[in-house]
């Protein structure tokens, strides 16, 4: 599936929040492909925790090769030694098996979770050991293609927002304000904020 970004979306965000006019002119932000396989996305997220992008990609590739198909049955059926040999810590193996067991036992139904609103998805996913709010919010964007996610759990988004608005800190009231200000284009705003964090616009 495709998360599409239209010129109308960009214009609407700028009308609501004129501070984005310069970043929209300076930075090209494209749509992206996403899938709805929450289990596979969670596996990749757990594998990637506290690792560099390059290391995470290497280890995740080994896990995919070992499992052939990344699904709960194959995670539970894999030998722990083989999982550890992919580069996973004992704790990460525990997390992956806990998530897989929850699916196989019926304690978790990802198909049902995917139909919930954003708050419901976050609440359900964070019940799983090893899954925090940041992970849930990233899955909302990159696994479910939700369009109004502004993650204040993400340091890059917080930094981009502070740069864009010349803020030294972000209070809870600030977070509520900007979440309302950018809605229903929170995900588009997030994509720009990540770019701003990496390369602040040269002119204000």
N, C-alpha and C. Protein backbone atom coordinates (compact mmCIF):
# COMPACT_ATOMS: atom_id res chain seq x y z
N UNK A 1 0.84 -1.19 0.00
CA UNK A 1 0.00 0.00 0.00
C UNK A 1 0.87 1.24 0.00
N UNK A 2 0.31 2.32 -0.44
CA UNK A 2 1.08 3.55 -0.62
C UNK A 2 0.55 4.65 0.30
N UNK A 3 1.46 5.25 1.07
CA UNK A 3 1.13 6.47 1.80
C UNK A 3 1.43 7.61 0.85
N UNK A 4 0.39 8.20 0.30
CA UNK A 4 0.56 9.24 -0.71
C UNK A 4 0.52 10.62 -0.06
N UNK A 5 1.27 11.53 -0.66
CA UNK A 5 1.30 12.91 -0.21
C UNK A 5 0.97 13.79 -1.40
N UNK A 6 -0.11 14.52 -1.32
CA UNK A 6 -0.53 15.36 -2.43
C UNK A 6 -0.11 16.82 -2.19
N UNK A 7 -0.09 17.59 -3.25
CA UNK A 7 0.19 19.02 -3.12
C UNK A 7 -0.90 19.69 -2.29
N UNK A 8 -2.11 19.17 -2.38
CA UNK A 8 -3.20 19.71 -1.57
C UNK A 8 -2.95 19.48 -0.08
N UNK A 9 -2.43 18.31 0.26
CA UNK A 9 -2.08 18.02 1.66
C UNK A 9 -1.05 19.04 2.16
N UNK A 10 -0.02 19.27 1.36
CA UNK A 10 1.02 20.22 1.76
C UNK A 10 0.44 21.62 1.92
N UNK A 11 -0.41 22.02 0.97
CA UNK A 11 -1.01 23.36 1.05
C UNK A 11 -1.90 23.49 2.27
N UNK A 12 -2.63 22.45 2.59
CA UNK A 12 -3.52 22.48 3.75
C UNK A 12 -2.73 22.60 5.04
N UNK A 13 -1.63 21.85 5.14
CA UNK A 13 -0.78 21.95 6.32
C UNK A 13 -0.23 23.36 6.46
N UNK A 14 0.20 23.94 5.36
CA UNK A 14 0.76 25.30 5.41
C UNK A 14 -0.28 26.34 5.77
N UNK A 15 -1.51 26.14 5.34
CA UNK A 15 -2.57 27.09 5.73
C UNK A 15 -2.81 27.03 7.23
N UNK A 16 -2.78 25.82 7.79
CA UNK A 16 -3.00 25.67 9.22
C UNK A 16 -1.79 26.12 10.03
N UNK A 17 -0.61 25.87 9.47
CA UNK A 17 0.64 26.12 10.19
C UNK A 17 1.64 26.75 9.23
N UNK A 18 1.57 28.08 9.05
CA UNK A 18 2.42 28.76 8.08
C UNK A 18 3.91 28.56 8.29
N UNK A 19 4.32 28.12 9.48
CA UNK A 19 5.75 27.88 9.72
C UNK A 19 6.30 26.78 8.81
N UNK A 20 5.41 26.00 8.20
CA UNK A 20 5.87 24.94 7.30
C UNK A 20 6.07 25.43 5.86
N UNK A 21 5.72 26.66 5.56
CA UNK A 21 5.82 27.12 4.18
C UNK A 21 7.24 27.02 3.64
N UNK A 22 8.23 27.43 4.43
CA UNK A 22 9.62 27.36 3.97
C UNK A 22 10.11 25.91 3.85
N UNK A 23 9.92 25.08 4.86
CA UNK A 23 10.35 23.68 4.70
C UNK A 23 9.69 22.98 3.52
N UNK A 24 8.42 23.27 3.25
CA UNK A 24 7.73 22.65 2.13
C UNK A 24 8.39 23.07 0.81
N UNK A 25 8.84 24.32 0.74
CA UNK A 25 9.52 24.79 -0.48
C UNK A 25 10.92 24.18 -0.59
N UNK A 26 11.60 24.02 0.53
CA UNK A 26 13.01 23.63 0.49
C UNK A 26 13.24 22.12 0.46
N UNK A 27 12.33 21.37 1.06
CA UNK A 27 12.55 19.93 1.20
C UNK A 27 11.53 19.13 0.42
N UNK A 28 12.00 18.13 -0.28
CA UNK A 28 11.10 17.21 -0.96
C UNK A 28 10.79 16.04 -0.04
N UNK A 29 9.53 15.89 0.29
CA UNK A 29 9.09 14.78 1.13
C UNK A 29 8.16 13.92 0.28
N UNK A 30 8.52 12.65 0.14
CA UNK A 30 7.75 11.76 -0.72
C UNK A 30 6.91 10.79 0.11
N UNK A 31 5.94 10.19 -0.55
CA UNK A 31 5.17 9.13 0.07
C UNK A 31 6.02 7.88 0.22
N UNK A 32 5.45 6.85 0.81
CA UNK A 32 6.21 5.63 1.04
C UNK A 32 5.28 4.43 1.00
N UNK A 33 5.87 3.29 0.75
CA UNK A 33 5.12 2.04 0.76
C UNK A 33 5.02 1.52 2.18
N UNK A 34 3.88 0.97 2.53
CA UNK A 34 3.74 0.36 3.84
C UNK A 34 2.89 -0.89 3.74
N UNK A 35 3.11 -1.79 4.69
CA UNK A 35 2.31 -3.01 4.74
C UNK A 35 1.50 -3.01 6.02
N UNK A 36 0.61 -3.98 6.15
CA UNK A 36 -0.23 -4.02 7.35
C UNK A 36 0.07 -5.24 8.21
N UNK A 37 1.27 -5.82 8.05
CA UNK A 37 1.66 -6.99 8.83
C UNK A 37 2.30 -6.50 10.14
N UNK A 38 1.47 -6.33 11.15
CA UNK A 38 1.96 -5.78 12.41
C UNK A 38 2.96 -6.72 13.09
N UNK A 39 2.75 -8.02 12.97
CA UNK A 39 3.69 -8.94 13.61
C UNK A 39 5.09 -8.79 13.02
N UNK A 40 5.18 -8.82 11.70
CA UNK A 40 6.48 -8.67 11.05
C UNK A 40 7.11 -7.33 11.39
N UNK A 41 6.28 -6.28 11.43
CA UNK A 41 6.80 -4.95 11.76
C UNK A 41 7.32 -4.90 13.19
N UNK A 42 6.62 -5.58 14.11
CA UNK A 42 7.08 -5.62 15.49
C UNK A 42 8.39 -6.39 15.62
N UNK A 43 8.52 -7.48 14.88
CA UNK A 43 9.77 -8.23 14.89
C UNK A 43 10.92 -7.33 14.46
N UNK A 44 10.73 -6.62 13.37
CA UNK A 44 11.78 -5.73 12.88
C UNK A 44 12.09 -4.65 13.89
N UNK A 45 11.06 -4.11 14.54
CA UNK A 45 11.26 -3.06 15.53
C UNK A 45 12.04 -3.56 16.73
N UNK A 46 11.68 -4.73 17.24
CA UNK A 46 12.38 -5.29 18.39
C UNK A 46 13.84 -5.59 18.03
N UNK A 47 14.05 -6.17 16.87
CA UNK A 47 15.41 -6.45 16.41
C UNK A 47 16.24 -5.17 16.38
N UNK A 48 15.61 -4.06 15.98
CA UNK A 48 16.34 -2.81 15.74
C UNK A 48 16.60 -2.00 17.00
N UNK A 49 15.99 -2.35 18.11
CA UNK A 49 16.13 -1.56 19.33
C UNK A 49 17.58 -1.39 19.75
N UNK A 50 17.97 -0.12 19.98
CA UNK A 50 19.30 0.24 20.49
C UNK A 50 20.43 -0.18 19.57
N UNK A 51 20.14 -0.24 18.27
CA UNK A 51 21.17 -0.57 17.29
C UNK A 51 21.26 0.51 16.23
N UNK A 52 22.41 0.61 15.59
CA UNK A 52 22.52 1.48 14.43
C UNK A 52 21.68 0.90 13.30
N UNK A 53 21.35 1.73 12.34
CA UNK A 53 20.55 1.28 11.21
C UNK A 53 21.24 0.13 10.49
N UNK A 54 22.54 0.26 10.29
CA UNK A 54 23.28 -0.77 9.55
C UNK A 54 23.30 -2.09 10.30
N UNK A 55 23.56 -2.05 11.61
CA UNK A 55 23.58 -3.28 12.40
C UNK A 55 22.20 -3.92 12.45
N UNK A 56 21.17 -3.08 12.58
CA UNK A 56 19.80 -3.61 12.64
C UNK A 56 19.43 -4.31 11.34
N UNK A 57 19.80 -3.71 10.21
CA UNK A 57 19.49 -4.32 8.93
C UNK A 57 20.20 -5.66 8.77
N UNK A 58 21.44 -5.74 9.23
CA UNK A 58 22.20 -6.99 9.13
C UNK A 58 21.55 -8.10 9.96
N UNK A 59 21.23 -7.78 11.20
CA UNK A 59 20.65 -8.79 12.10
C UNK A 59 19.25 -9.18 11.64
N UNK A 60 18.47 -8.20 11.22
CA UNK A 60 17.11 -8.51 10.75
C UNK A 60 17.18 -9.40 9.51
N UNK A 61 18.15 -9.15 8.64
CA UNK A 61 18.32 -9.99 7.46
C UNK A 61 18.63 -11.43 7.84
N UNK A 62 19.45 -11.62 8.86
CA UNK A 62 19.75 -12.98 9.33
C UNK A 62 18.51 -13.66 9.90
N UNK A 63 17.71 -12.88 10.65
CA UNK A 63 16.48 -13.43 11.23
C UNK A 63 15.53 -13.86 10.13
N UNK A 64 15.38 -13.02 9.10
CA UNK A 64 14.51 -13.37 7.98
C UNK A 64 15.00 -14.63 7.27
N UNK A 65 16.31 -14.74 7.10
CA UNK A 65 16.87 -15.93 6.44
C UNK A 65 16.62 -17.18 7.27
N UNK A 66 16.75 -17.05 8.57
CA UNK A 66 16.54 -18.19 9.47
C UNK A 66 15.08 -18.64 9.46
N UNK A 67 14.17 -17.66 9.56
CA UNK A 67 12.75 -18.00 9.69
C UNK A 67 12.09 -18.30 8.35
N UNK A 68 12.68 -17.81 7.26
CA UNK A 68 12.13 -17.90 5.90
C UNK A 68 10.87 -17.05 5.80
N UNK A 69 9.86 -17.36 6.58
CA UNK A 69 8.66 -16.52 6.67
C UNK A 69 8.57 -16.02 8.11
N UNK A 70 8.49 -14.70 8.28
CA UNK A 70 8.44 -14.14 9.63
C UNK A 70 7.00 -14.19 10.13
N UNK A 71 6.70 -15.22 10.89
CA UNK A 71 5.37 -15.36 11.48
C UNK A 71 5.50 -15.96 12.88
N UNK A 72 4.43 -15.91 13.67
CA UNK A 72 4.53 -16.37 15.06
C UNK A 72 4.96 -17.82 15.20
N UNK A 73 4.44 -18.71 14.35
CA UNK A 73 4.79 -20.13 14.46
C UNK A 73 6.27 -20.36 14.23
N UNK A 74 6.83 -19.66 13.26
CA UNK A 74 8.25 -19.85 12.96
C UNK A 74 9.14 -19.26 14.05
N UNK A 75 8.70 -18.17 14.66
CA UNK A 75 9.47 -17.61 15.78
C UNK A 75 9.49 -18.59 16.94
N UNK A 76 8.33 -19.15 17.27
CA UNK A 76 8.25 -20.09 18.38
C UNK A 76 8.97 -21.40 18.06
N UNK A 77 9.00 -21.77 16.79
CA UNK A 77 9.63 -23.03 16.40
C UNK A 77 11.12 -22.95 16.24
N UNK A 78 11.66 -21.74 16.14
CA UNK A 78 13.10 -21.58 15.95
C UNK A 78 13.85 -21.89 17.24
N UNK A 79 14.99 -22.52 17.10
CA UNK A 79 15.82 -22.81 18.27
C UNK A 79 16.41 -21.51 18.82
N UNK A 80 16.41 -21.38 20.14
CA UNK A 80 16.91 -20.14 20.76
C UNK A 80 18.36 -19.89 20.40
N UNK A 81 19.15 -20.94 20.34
CA UNK A 81 20.56 -20.79 19.98
C UNK A 81 20.70 -20.23 18.57
N UNK A 82 19.84 -20.68 17.65
CA UNK A 82 19.88 -20.17 16.29
C UNK A 82 19.48 -18.70 16.24
N UNK A 83 18.47 -18.34 17.03
CA UNK A 83 18.06 -16.93 17.08
C UNK A 83 19.18 -16.07 17.65
N UNK A 84 19.83 -16.56 18.70
CA UNK A 84 20.93 -15.81 19.29
C UNK A 84 22.08 -15.67 18.30
N UNK A 85 22.28 -16.69 17.47
CA UNK A 85 23.39 -16.65 16.51
C UNK A 85 23.17 -15.60 15.43
N UNK A 86 21.93 -15.15 15.29
CA UNK A 86 21.64 -14.06 14.33
C UNK A 86 22.14 -12.71 14.85
N UNK A 87 22.45 -12.67 16.15
CA UNK A 87 22.89 -11.42 16.75
C UNK A 87 21.91 -10.86 17.75
N UNK A 88 20.86 -11.62 18.06
CA UNK A 88 19.85 -11.16 19.02
C UNK A 88 20.31 -11.43 20.45
N UNK A 89 20.00 -10.49 21.33
CA UNK A 89 20.27 -10.70 22.74
C UNK A 89 19.23 -11.64 23.32
N UNK A 90 19.52 -12.19 24.50
CA UNK A 90 18.56 -13.07 25.16
C UNK A 90 17.25 -12.33 25.44
N UNK A 91 17.35 -11.05 25.79
CA UNK A 91 16.14 -10.28 26.08
C UNK A 91 15.29 -10.09 24.82
N UNK A 92 15.93 -9.82 23.69
CA UNK A 92 15.18 -9.65 22.46
C UNK A 92 14.51 -10.96 22.03
N UNK A 93 15.18 -12.06 22.22
CA UNK A 93 14.56 -13.35 21.93
C UNK A 93 13.33 -13.54 22.81
N UNK A 94 13.45 -13.15 24.07
CA UNK A 94 12.32 -13.25 25.00
C UNK A 94 11.16 -12.38 24.51
N UNK A 95 11.45 -11.17 24.08
CA UNK A 95 10.40 -10.28 23.59
C UNK A 95 9.71 -10.88 22.37
N UNK A 96 10.50 -11.36 21.41
CA UNK A 96 9.93 -11.91 20.18
C UNK A 96 9.06 -13.12 20.46
N UNK A 97 9.53 -13.96 21.34
CA UNK A 97 8.75 -15.16 21.66
C UNK A 97 7.50 -14.79 22.46
N UNK A 98 7.59 -13.78 23.29
CA UNK A 98 6.41 -13.35 24.03
C UNK A 98 5.33 -12.82 23.10
N UNK A 99 5.75 -12.03 22.10
CA UNK A 99 4.79 -11.50 21.13
C UNK A 99 4.19 -12.63 20.30
N UNK A 100 5.04 -13.54 19.85
CA UNK A 100 4.57 -14.67 19.05
C UNK A 100 3.60 -15.54 19.84
N UNK A 101 3.92 -15.80 21.11
CA UNK A 101 3.05 -16.61 21.95
C UNK A 101 1.70 -15.93 22.16
N UNK A 102 1.72 -14.61 22.31
CA UNK A 102 0.46 -13.88 22.50
C UNK A 102 -0.45 -14.01 21.29
N UNK A 103 0.14 -14.03 20.10
CA UNK A 103 -0.65 -14.21 18.88
C UNK A 103 -1.19 -15.63 18.80
N UNK A 104 -0.33 -16.60 19.00
CA UNK A 104 -0.73 -18.01 18.85
C UNK A 104 -1.75 -18.43 19.90
N UNK A 105 -1.68 -17.83 21.09
CA UNK A 105 -2.63 -18.17 22.15
C UNK A 105 -3.97 -17.47 22.00
N UNK A 106 -4.01 -16.48 21.09
CA UNK A 106 -5.22 -15.71 20.91
C UNK A 106 -5.34 -14.52 21.84
N UNK A 107 -4.31 -14.30 22.66
CA UNK A 107 -4.34 -13.16 23.58
C UNK A 107 -4.27 -11.84 22.81
N UNK A 108 -3.68 -11.88 21.64
CA UNK A 108 -3.55 -10.69 20.79
C UNK A 108 -4.03 -11.03 19.39
N UNK A 109 -4.84 -10.15 18.83
CA UNK A 109 -5.31 -10.32 17.45
C UNK A 109 -4.92 -9.06 16.68
N UNK A 110 -3.84 -9.16 15.91
CA UNK A 110 -3.35 -7.98 15.20
C UNK A 110 -4.34 -7.49 14.15
N UNK A 111 -5.13 -8.37 13.60
CA UNK A 111 -6.14 -7.93 12.62
C UNK A 111 -7.16 -7.02 13.30
N UNK A 112 -7.55 -7.35 14.51
CA UNK A 112 -8.48 -6.50 15.25
C UNK A 112 -7.81 -5.19 15.66
N UNK A 113 -6.58 -5.28 16.11
CA UNK A 113 -5.86 -4.08 16.53
C UNK A 113 -5.73 -3.10 15.37
N UNK A 114 -5.47 -3.62 14.17
CA UNK A 114 -5.28 -2.76 13.00
C UNK A 114 -6.53 -1.96 12.66
N UNK A 115 -7.69 -2.41 13.13
CA UNK A 115 -8.94 -1.71 12.86
C UNK A 115 -9.26 -0.66 13.91
N UNK A 116 -8.47 -0.60 14.97
CA UNK A 116 -8.72 0.36 16.05
C UNK A 116 -8.24 1.75 15.66
N UNK A 117 -8.70 2.76 16.42
CA UNK A 117 -8.18 4.11 16.20
C UNK A 117 -6.76 4.18 16.75
N UNK A 118 -6.07 5.30 16.50
CA UNK A 118 -4.66 5.41 16.86
C UNK A 118 -4.41 5.16 18.34
N UNK A 119 -5.25 5.74 19.19
CA UNK A 119 -5.07 5.57 20.63
C UNK A 119 -5.26 4.11 21.04
N UNK A 120 -6.23 3.45 20.42
CA UNK A 120 -6.47 2.04 20.72
C UNK A 120 -5.32 1.16 20.29
N UNK A 121 -4.78 1.41 19.10
CA UNK A 121 -3.63 0.65 18.63
C UNK A 121 -2.46 0.80 19.60
N UNK A 122 -2.19 2.04 20.00
CA UNK A 122 -1.07 2.29 20.91
C UNK A 122 -1.29 1.60 22.25
N UNK A 123 -2.50 1.68 22.78
CA UNK A 123 -2.80 1.06 24.07
C UNK A 123 -2.62 -0.45 24.01
N UNK A 124 -3.06 -1.08 22.93
CA UNK A 124 -2.96 -2.52 22.83
C UNK A 124 -1.52 -2.98 22.58
N UNK A 125 -0.81 -2.31 21.70
CA UNK A 125 0.55 -2.72 21.39
C UNK A 125 1.48 -2.57 22.59
N UNK A 126 1.29 -1.53 23.38
CA UNK A 126 2.19 -1.30 24.50
C UNK A 126 1.91 -2.24 25.67
N UNK A 127 0.90 -3.07 25.57
CA UNK A 127 0.70 -4.14 26.56
C UNK A 127 1.71 -5.26 26.37
N UNK A 128 2.28 -5.32 25.17
CA UNK A 128 3.25 -6.37 24.86
C UNK A 128 4.63 -6.00 25.40
N UNK A 129 5.27 -6.93 26.07
CA UNK A 129 6.60 -6.68 26.63
C UNK A 129 7.58 -6.39 25.51
N UNK A 130 8.32 -5.30 25.66
CA UNK A 130 9.29 -4.91 24.65
C UNK A 130 8.76 -3.89 23.67
N UNK A 131 7.48 -3.51 23.79
CA UNK A 131 6.88 -2.53 22.87
C UNK A 131 6.50 -1.29 23.67
N UNK A 132 7.15 -0.17 23.37
CA UNK A 132 6.85 1.09 24.03
C UNK A 132 6.02 2.00 23.14
N UNK A 133 5.75 3.19 23.65
CA UNK A 133 4.92 4.15 22.92
C UNK A 133 5.57 4.54 21.60
N UNK A 134 6.89 4.78 21.62
CA UNK A 134 7.56 5.19 20.38
C UNK A 134 7.40 4.12 19.31
N UNK A 135 7.62 2.86 19.69
CA UNK A 135 7.48 1.77 18.73
C UNK A 135 6.07 1.73 18.17
N UNK A 136 5.08 1.85 19.04
CA UNK A 136 3.68 1.83 18.59
C UNK A 136 3.40 2.97 17.62
N UNK A 137 3.93 4.14 17.90
CA UNK A 137 3.68 5.29 17.02
C UNK A 137 4.38 5.13 15.68
N UNK A 138 5.58 4.55 15.68
CA UNK A 138 6.26 4.31 14.41
C UNK A 138 5.50 3.26 13.57
N UNK A 139 4.92 2.26 14.25
CA UNK A 139 4.13 1.26 13.53
C UNK A 139 2.85 1.87 12.98
N UNK A 140 2.26 2.81 13.71
CA UNK A 140 1.08 3.51 13.19
C UNK A 140 1.41 4.18 11.86
N UNK A 141 2.60 4.77 11.78
CA UNK A 141 2.99 5.45 10.54
C UNK A 141 3.41 4.45 9.47
N UNK A 142 4.40 3.62 9.79
CA UNK A 142 5.09 2.86 8.76
C UNK A 142 4.54 1.45 8.53
N UNK A 143 3.65 0.98 9.40
CA UNK A 143 3.02 -0.32 9.16
C UNK A 143 1.54 -0.19 8.86
N UNK A 144 0.91 0.88 9.35
CA UNK A 144 -0.53 1.06 9.14
C UNK A 144 -0.87 2.29 8.31
N UNK A 145 0.11 3.13 8.03
CA UNK A 145 -0.12 4.28 7.17
C UNK A 145 -1.08 5.30 7.74
N UNK A 146 -1.11 5.44 9.07
CA UNK A 146 -2.01 6.42 9.69
C UNK A 146 -1.52 7.83 9.38
N UNK A 147 -2.45 8.74 9.18
CA UNK A 147 -2.11 10.04 8.62
C UNK A 147 -1.98 11.16 9.65
N UNK A 148 -2.27 10.88 10.91
CA UNK A 148 -2.27 11.98 11.88
C UNK A 148 -1.48 11.59 13.13
N UNK A 149 -0.22 11.22 12.92
CA UNK A 149 0.63 10.79 14.03
C UNK A 149 1.79 11.78 14.20
N UNK A 150 1.81 12.46 15.33
CA UNK A 150 2.90 13.37 15.68
C UNK A 150 3.51 12.83 16.97
N UNK A 151 4.64 12.16 16.85
CA UNK A 151 5.20 11.40 17.96
C UNK A 151 6.15 12.26 18.79
N UNK A 152 5.72 12.63 19.98
CA UNK A 152 6.60 13.36 20.88
C UNK A 152 7.51 12.41 21.65
N UNK A 153 7.37 11.11 21.41
CA UNK A 153 8.32 10.14 21.94
C UNK A 153 9.57 10.08 21.08
N UNK A 154 9.52 10.67 19.90
CA UNK A 154 10.63 10.64 18.96
C UNK A 154 11.49 11.89 19.14
N UNK A 155 12.77 11.69 19.46
CA UNK A 155 13.65 12.83 19.73
C UNK A 155 13.86 13.68 18.48
N UNK A 156 13.88 13.04 17.31
CA UNK A 156 14.06 13.79 16.07
C UNK A 156 12.90 14.73 15.81
N UNK A 157 11.69 14.27 16.04
CA UNK A 157 10.51 15.11 15.84
C UNK A 157 10.51 16.25 16.86
N UNK A 158 10.85 15.95 18.10
CA UNK A 158 10.92 17.00 19.11
C UNK A 158 11.96 18.06 18.73
N UNK A 159 13.11 17.60 18.26
CA UNK A 159 14.17 18.53 17.87
C UNK A 159 13.75 19.36 16.67
N UNK A 160 13.14 18.72 15.67
CA UNK A 160 12.68 19.46 14.51
C UNK A 160 11.64 20.50 14.86
N UNK A 161 10.73 20.16 15.75
CA UNK A 161 9.69 21.09 16.17
C UNK A 161 10.29 22.28 16.91
N UNK A 162 11.28 22.03 17.74
CA UNK A 162 11.93 23.12 18.47
C UNK A 162 12.70 24.04 17.52
N UNK A 163 13.37 23.44 16.53
CA UNK A 163 14.09 24.26 15.55
C UNK A 163 13.12 25.10 14.73
N UNK A 164 12.04 24.48 14.27
CA UNK A 164 11.08 25.16 13.41
C UNK A 164 10.44 26.35 14.12
N UNK A 165 10.19 26.19 15.41
CA UNK A 165 9.44 27.22 16.14
C UNK A 165 10.29 27.99 17.14
N UNK A 166 11.62 27.84 17.03
CA UNK A 166 12.54 28.57 17.91
C UNK A 166 12.21 28.37 19.38
N UNK A 167 12.02 27.11 19.76
CA UNK A 167 11.70 26.78 21.14
C UNK A 167 12.92 26.17 21.82
N UNK A 168 13.14 26.50 23.09
CA UNK A 168 14.24 25.90 23.84
C UNK A 168 13.80 24.64 24.56
N UNK A 169 12.52 24.53 24.87
CA UNK A 169 11.97 23.35 25.52
C UNK A 169 10.59 23.07 24.93
N UNK A 170 10.08 21.89 25.22
CA UNK A 170 8.72 21.52 24.81
C UNK A 170 7.96 21.08 26.05
N UNK A 171 6.97 21.85 26.44
CA UNK A 171 6.16 21.49 27.58
C UNK A 171 5.00 20.60 27.15
N UNK A 172 4.29 20.04 28.11
CA UNK A 172 3.11 19.25 27.79
C UNK A 172 2.07 20.10 27.07
N UNK A 173 1.94 21.36 27.49
CA UNK A 173 0.99 22.26 26.83
C UNK A 173 1.40 22.51 25.38
N UNK A 174 2.71 22.66 25.14
CA UNK A 174 3.21 22.83 23.77
C UNK A 174 2.85 21.62 22.92
N UNK A 175 3.03 20.45 23.47
CA UNK A 175 2.74 19.23 22.72
C UNK A 175 1.27 19.17 22.34
N UNK A 176 0.40 19.49 23.27
CA UNK A 176 -1.03 19.50 22.97
C UNK A 176 -1.35 20.54 21.91
N UNK A 177 -0.71 21.69 22.01
CA UNK A 177 -0.96 22.77 21.05
C UNK A 177 -0.56 22.34 19.64
N UNK A 178 0.64 21.82 19.48
CA UNK A 178 1.11 21.47 18.13
C UNK A 178 0.40 20.24 17.58
N UNK A 179 0.02 19.33 18.45
CA UNK A 179 -0.75 18.18 17.96
C UNK A 179 -2.07 18.65 17.35
N UNK A 180 -2.74 19.59 18.02
CA UNK A 180 -3.99 20.14 17.48
C UNK A 180 -3.72 21.00 16.24
N UNK A 181 -2.65 21.76 16.27
CA UNK A 181 -2.34 22.68 15.17
C UNK A 181 -2.09 21.93 13.86
N UNK A 182 -1.44 20.79 13.94
CA UNK A 182 -1.07 20.06 12.74
C UNK A 182 -2.08 19.00 12.32
N UNK A 183 -3.03 18.70 13.17
CA UNK A 183 -4.05 17.70 12.84
C UNK A 183 -4.99 18.23 11.75
N UNK A 184 -5.40 17.41 10.79
CA UNK A 184 -5.20 15.96 10.65
C UNK A 184 -4.00 15.58 9.78
N UNK A 185 -2.98 16.44 9.77
CA UNK A 185 -1.80 16.20 8.94
C UNK A 185 -0.57 15.91 9.79
N UNK A 186 -0.76 15.26 10.94
CA UNK A 186 0.34 15.03 11.85
C UNK A 186 1.47 14.22 11.25
N UNK A 187 1.15 13.20 10.46
CA UNK A 187 2.20 12.37 9.87
C UNK A 187 3.00 13.16 8.83
N UNK A 188 2.32 13.95 8.02
CA UNK A 188 3.03 14.80 7.06
C UNK A 188 3.93 15.78 7.79
N UNK A 189 3.43 16.38 8.86
CA UNK A 189 4.26 17.27 9.66
C UNK A 189 5.47 16.53 10.22
N UNK A 190 5.26 15.30 10.66
CA UNK A 190 6.37 14.51 11.20
C UNK A 190 7.46 14.29 10.16
N UNK A 191 7.06 13.97 8.93
CA UNK A 191 8.03 13.75 7.87
C UNK A 191 8.87 14.99 7.62
N UNK A 192 8.23 16.15 7.65
CA UNK A 192 8.98 17.40 7.48
C UNK A 192 9.86 17.69 8.70
N UNK A 193 9.36 17.41 9.89
CA UNK A 193 10.14 17.69 11.10
C UNK A 193 11.41 16.85 11.14
N UNK A 194 11.33 15.61 10.66
CA UNK A 194 12.55 14.79 10.57
C UNK A 194 13.56 15.43 9.62
N UNK A 195 13.08 15.96 8.51
CA UNK A 195 13.98 16.64 7.56
C UNK A 195 14.57 17.90 8.17
N UNK A 196 13.75 18.65 8.89
CA UNK A 196 14.22 19.89 9.52
C UNK A 196 15.29 19.58 10.55
N UNK A 197 15.10 18.50 11.30
CA UNK A 197 16.09 18.10 12.30
C UNK A 197 17.45 17.85 11.64
N UNK A 198 17.43 17.24 10.46
CA UNK A 198 18.67 16.92 9.76
C UNK A 198 19.28 18.11 9.04
N UNK A 199 18.43 19.06 8.63
CA UNK A 199 18.91 20.18 7.81
C UNK A 199 17.96 21.34 7.95
N UNK A 200 18.19 22.20 8.93
CA UNK A 200 17.29 23.30 9.19
C UNK A 200 17.18 24.21 7.96
N UNK A 201 15.97 24.69 7.63
CA UNK A 201 15.84 25.63 6.52
C UNK A 201 16.79 26.82 6.69
N UNK A 202 17.35 27.29 5.58
CA UNK A 202 18.40 28.30 5.64
C UNK A 202 17.87 29.72 5.86
N UNK A 203 16.59 29.94 5.62
CA UNK A 203 16.03 31.28 5.72
C UNK A 203 14.72 31.19 6.49
N UNK A 204 14.44 32.20 7.29
CA UNK A 204 13.16 32.28 7.98
C UNK A 204 12.44 33.55 7.54
